[in-house]
Amino acid sequence: MRTLELLDYLIELARRLGYEVREEWLDGAGGGACELKGTRVLFVDQSLPPSERLEHVARSLRGSPSLETIYVLPEARSLLDAA
């Protein structure tokens, strides 16, 4: 799977896990997951290259307890486990 396809897959996975995904220009801050007013939000920094965005998203989703309850493509699972 290519980087952009994997990034799109992980972003959709985040939505399935209940995150509101905000893809914004953050000047290299990297983004990440947080909770705002009871809503889980995942910020994705559009100023970064796709490979770095992929790393940030994978790192943010890693360890989510809900990941164990849904099917995740093997390539994405490997990335999440390595993040």
C-alpha atoms as a PDB file:
ATOM      1  CA  MET A   1       0.000   0.000   0.000  1.00  0.00           C
ATOM      2  CA  ARG A   2       1.363   3.435  -0.864  1.00  0.00           C
ATOM      3  CA  THR A   3       1.950   6.154   1.694  1.00  0.00           C
ATOM      4  CA  LEU A   4      -1.039   8.298   0.702  1.00  0.00           C
ATOM      5  CA  GLU A   5      -3.362   5.297   0.601  1.00  0.00           C
ATOM      6  CA  LEU A   6      -2.166   4.183   4.020  1.00  0.00           C
ATOM      7  CA  LEU A   7      -2.549   7.708   5.391  1.00  0.00           C
ATOM      8  CA  ASP A   8      -6.128   7.890   4.057  1.00  0.00           C
ATOM      9  CA  TYR A   9      -6.835   4.468   5.557  1.00  0.00           C
ATOM     10  CA  LEU A  10      -5.549   5.506   9.006  1.00  0.00           C
ATOM     11  CA  ILE A  11      -7.510   8.757   8.902  1.00  0.00           C
ATOM     12  CA  GLU A  12     -10.678   6.819   8.106  1.00  0.00           C
ATOM     13  CA  LEU A  13      -9.770   4.364  10.876  1.00  0.00           C
ATOM     14  CA  ALA A  14      -9.500   7.293  13.293  1.00  0.00           C
ATOM     15  CA  ARG A  15     -13.002   8.368  12.315  1.00  0.00           C
ATOM     16  CA  ARG A  16     -14.265   4.818  12.907  1.00  0.00           C
ATOM     17  CA  LEU A  17     -12.645   4.960  16.344  1.00  0.00           C
ATOM     18  CA  GLY A  18     -14.647   8.097  17.150  1.00  0.00           C
ATOM     19  CA  TYR A  19     -12.139  10.844  16.403  1.00  0.00           C
ATOM     20  CA  GLU A  20     -13.104  14.074  14.727  1.00  0.00           C
ATOM     21  CA  VAL A  21     -10.294  14.540  12.194  1.00  0.00           C
ATOM     22  CA  ARG A  22      -9.107  18.059  11.419  1.00  0.00           C
ATOM     23  CA  GLU A  23      -6.647  18.378   8.559  1.00  0.00           C
ATOM     24  CA  GLU A  24      -5.157  21.845   8.988  1.00  0.00           C
ATOM     25  CA  TRP A  25      -2.029  23.837   8.199  1.00  0.00           C
ATOM     26  CA  LEU A  26      -0.081  23.793  11.497  1.00  0.00           C
ATOM     27  CA  ASP A  27       3.320  25.068  10.279  1.00  0.00           C
ATOM     28  CA  GLY A  28       5.158  21.846  11.069  1.00  0.00           C
ATOM     29  CA  ALA A  29       3.776  21.359  14.587  1.00  0.00           C
ATOM     30  CA  GLY A  30       2.882  17.784  13.636  1.00  0.00           C
ATOM     31  CA  GLY A  31      -0.597  17.532  15.051  1.00  0.00           C
ATOM     32  CA  GLY A  32      -1.783  14.714  17.282  1.00  0.00           C
ATOM     33  CA  ALA A  33      -4.767  13.572  19.277  1.00  0.00           C
ATOM     34  CA  CYS A  34      -6.453  15.360  22.153  1.00  0.00           C
ATOM     35  CA  GLU A  35      -9.843  15.788  23.762  1.00  0.00           C
ATOM     36  CA  LEU A  36     -11.710  19.083  23.387  1.00  0.00           C
ATOM     37  CA  LYS A  37     -14.936  19.548  25.329  1.00  0.00           C
ATOM     38  CA  GLY A  38     -15.480  15.798  25.511  1.00  0.00           C
ATOM     39  CA  THR A  39     -14.749  15.172  21.818  1.00  0.00           C
ATOM     40  CA  ARG A  40     -11.695  13.225  20.695  1.00  0.00           C
ATOM     41  CA  VAL A  41      -9.940  15.232  17.992  1.00  0.00           C
ATOM     42  CA  LEU A  42      -7.065  14.216  15.731  1.00  0.00           C
ATOM     43  CA  PHE A  43      -5.151  17.111  14.172  1.00  0.00           C
ATOM     44  CA  VAL A  44      -3.258  16.305  10.956  1.00  0.00           C
ATOM     45  CA  ASP A  45      -0.675  18.911   9.899  1.00  0.00           C
ATOM     46  CA  GLN A  46      -1.066  19.516   6.164  1.00  0.00           C
ATOM     47  CA  SER A  47       2.269  21.379   6.029  1.00  0.00           C
ATOM     48  CA  LEU A  48       4.172  18.099   6.572  1.00  0.00           C
ATOM     49  CA  PRO A  49       5.010  15.599   3.831  1.00  0.00           C
ATOM     50  CA  PRO A  50       2.698  12.554   3.664  1.00  0.00           C
ATOM     51  CA  SER A  51       5.245  10.206   5.254  1.00  0.00           C
ATOM     52  CA  GLU A  52       5.505  12.414   8.358  1.00  0.00           C
ATOM     53  CA  ARG A  53       1.732  12.850   8.563  1.00  0.00           C
ATOM     54  CA  LEU A  54       1.429   9.067   8.416  1.00  0.00           C
ATOM     55  CA  GLU A  55       3.866   8.674  11.327  1.00  0.00           C
ATOM     56  CA  HIS A  56       2.014  11.251  13.436  1.00  0.00           C
ATOM     57  CA  VAL A  57      -1.382   9.675  12.802  1.00  0.00           C
ATOM     58  CA  ALA A  58      -0.078   6.163  13.540  1.00  0.00           C
ATOM     59  CA  ARG A  59       1.578   7.364  16.754  1.00  0.00           C
ATOM     60  CA  SER A  60      -1.635   9.099  17.824  1.00  0.00           C
ATOM     61  CA  LEU A  61      -3.780   6.003  17.276  1.00  0.00           C
ATOM     62  CA  ARG A  62      -1.329   3.514  18.763  1.00  0.00           C
ATOM     63  CA  GLY A  63      -2.558   1.936  21.949  1.00  0.00           C
ATOM     64  CA  SER A  64      -6.197   2.895  21.427  1.00  0.00           C
ATOM     65  CA  PRO A  65      -8.180   0.170  23.213  1.00  0.00           C
ATOM     66  CA  SER A  66     -10.784   0.197  20.436  1.00  0.00           C
ATOM     67  CA  LEU A  67      -8.160  -0.998  17.932  1.00  0.00           C
ATOM     68  CA  GLU A  68      -8.378  -4.490  19.370  1.00  0.00           C
ATOM     69  CA  THR A  69     -12.083  -4.737  18.606  1.00  0.00           C
ATOM     70  CA  ILE A  70     -12.029  -3.942  14.870  1.00  0.00           C
ATOM     71  CA  TYR A  71     -10.297  -5.377  11.821  1.00  0.00           C
ATOM     72  CA  VAL A  72      -7.256  -3.407  10.671  1.00  0.00           C
ATOM     73  CA  LEU A  73      -5.387  -4.201   7.463  1.00  0.00           C
ATOM     74  CA  PRO A  74      -2.135  -6.054   8.225  1.00  0.00           C
ATOM     75  CA  GLU A  75       0.082  -3.317   6.762  1.00  0.00           C
ATOM     76  CA  ALA A  76      -1.655  -0.685   8.862  1.00  0.00           C
ATOM     77  CA  ARG A  77      -1.517  -2.934  11.950  1.00  0.00           C
ATOM     78  CA  SER A  78       2.260  -3.294  11.490  1.00  0.00           C
ATOM     79  CA  LEU A  79       2.624   0.464  11.269  1.00  0.00           C
ATOM     80  CA  LEU A  80       0.511   1.006  14.381  1.00  0.00           C
ATOM     81  CA  ASP A  81       2.496  -1.586  16.324  1.00  0.00           C
ATOM     82  CA  ALA A  82       5.801   0.001  15.263  1.00  0.00           C
ATOM     83  CA  ALA A  83       4.781   3.615  15.932  1.00  0.00           C
END
